[in-house]
């Protein structure tokens, strides 16, 4: 049962801070890339994917 469907968090800036881009582990680089792409999507498409109601895989 969905709750608070008409409510959403306000926009916020999120920063990933690390020393040098070329020294990132593969796991961290993959996570940063995933999070960056995920947060670029519209809130409605993120919630649809989270609930499994999106049509196809990314």
C-alpha atoms as a PDB file:
ATOM      1  CA  UNK A   1       0.000   0.000   0.000  1.00  0.00           C
ATOM      2  CA  UNK A   2       1.672   3.259  -1.130  1.00  0.00           C
ATOM      3  CA  UNK A   3       1.814   6.035   1.459  1.00  0.00           C
ATOM      4  CA  UNK A   4       2.150   9.789   0.919  1.00  0.00           C
ATOM      5  CA  UNK A   5       1.933   9.476  -2.872  1.00  0.00           C
ATOM      6  CA  UNK A   6       1.613  13.249  -3.331  1.00  0.00           C
ATOM      7  CA  UNK A   7       4.682  14.019  -1.226  1.00  0.00           C
ATOM      8  CA  UNK A   8       8.319  14.039  -2.327  1.00  0.00           C
ATOM      9  CA  UNK A   9      11.636  15.142  -0.907  1.00  0.00           C
ATOM     10  CA  UNK A  10      12.904  18.583  -1.917  1.00  0.00           C
ATOM     11  CA  UNK A  11      15.758  18.726  -4.412  1.00  0.00           C
ATOM     12  CA  UNK A  12      19.226  18.596  -2.867  1.00  0.00           C
ATOM     13  CA  UNK A  13      22.786  18.693  -4.139  1.00  0.00           C
ATOM     14  CA  UNK A  14      24.787  15.506  -3.648  1.00  0.00           C
ATOM     15  CA  UNK A  15      28.562  15.432  -4.067  1.00  0.00           C
ATOM     16  CA  UNK A  16      30.981  12.513  -4.340  1.00  0.00           C
ATOM     17  CA  UNK A  17      34.375  13.601  -3.047  1.00  0.00           C
ATOM     18  CA  UNK A  18      37.515  11.606  -3.764  1.00  0.00           C
ATOM     19  CA  UNK A  19      41.204  12.354  -4.286  1.00  0.00           C
ATOM     20  CA  UNK A  20      41.829  11.445  -7.921  1.00  0.00           C
ATOM     21  CA  UNK A  21      39.513  10.037 -10.530  1.00  0.00           C
ATOM     22  CA  UNK A  22      42.104   7.648 -11.987  1.00  0.00           C
ATOM     23  CA  UNK A  23      42.720   5.990  -8.586  1.00  0.00           C
ATOM     24  CA  UNK A  24      39.127   4.937  -7.878  1.00  0.00           C
ATOM     25  CA  UNK A  25      38.475   1.259  -7.298  1.00  0.00           C
ATOM     26  CA  UNK A  26      36.295  -0.423  -9.895  1.00  0.00           C
ATOM     27  CA  UNK A  27      33.529  -0.903  -7.310  1.00  0.00           C
ATOM     28  CA  UNK A  28      33.528   2.746  -6.279  1.00  0.00           C
ATOM     29  CA  UNK A  29      33.659   3.980  -9.887  1.00  0.00           C
ATOM     30  CA  UNK A  30      30.723   1.713 -10.789  1.00  0.00           C
ATOM     31  CA  UNK A  31      28.724   2.963  -7.804  1.00  0.00           C
ATOM     32  CA  UNK A  32      29.418   6.642  -8.592  1.00  0.00           C
ATOM     33  CA  UNK A  33      28.411   6.108 -12.239  1.00  0.00           C
ATOM     34  CA  UNK A  34      25.223   4.275 -11.232  1.00  0.00           C
ATOM     35  CA  UNK A  35      24.231   6.877  -8.649  1.00  0.00           C
ATOM     36  CA  UNK A  36      24.913   9.728 -11.051  1.00  0.00           C
ATOM     37  CA  UNK A  37      22.693   8.186 -13.731  1.00  0.00           C
ATOM     38  CA  UNK A  38      19.974   7.243 -11.231  1.00  0.00           C
ATOM     39  CA  UNK A  39      19.767  10.751  -9.804  1.00  0.00           C
ATOM     40  CA  UNK A  40      19.572  12.346 -13.276  1.00  0.00           C
ATOM     41  CA  UNK A  41      16.285  10.543 -13.952  1.00  0.00           C
ATOM     42  CA  UNK A  42      12.986  12.176 -13.132  1.00  0.00           C
ATOM     43  CA  UNK A  43      11.571  11.350  -9.689  1.00  0.00           C
ATOM     44  CA  UNK A  44       8.574   9.600 -11.259  1.00  0.00           C
ATOM     45  CA  UNK A  45      10.757   7.216 -13.268  1.00  0.00           C
ATOM     46  CA  UNK A  46      12.874   6.447 -10.183  1.00  0.00           C
ATOM     47  CA  UNK A  47       9.810   5.588  -8.098  1.00  0.00           C
ATOM     48  CA  UNK A  48       8.315   3.503 -10.910  1.00  0.00           C
ATOM     49  CA  UNK A  49      11.502   1.455 -11.159  1.00  0.00           C
ATOM     50  CA  UNK A  50      11.751   1.066  -7.380  1.00  0.00           C
ATOM     51  CA  UNK A  51       8.228  -0.351  -7.222  1.00  0.00           C
ATOM     52  CA  UNK A  52       8.747  -2.583 -10.251  1.00  0.00           C
ATOM     53  CA  UNK A  53       6.134  -0.844 -12.406  1.00  0.00           C
ATOM     54  CA  UNK A  54       8.538   0.407 -15.075  1.00  0.00           C
ATOM     55  CA  UNK A  55       8.129  -1.278 -18.455  1.00  0.00           C
ATOM     56  CA  UNK A  56      11.609  -2.594 -19.216  1.00  0.00           C
ATOM     57  CA  UNK A  57      15.043  -2.833 -17.703  1.00  0.00           C
ATOM     58  CA  UNK A  58      17.384   0.167 -18.178  1.00  0.00           C
END
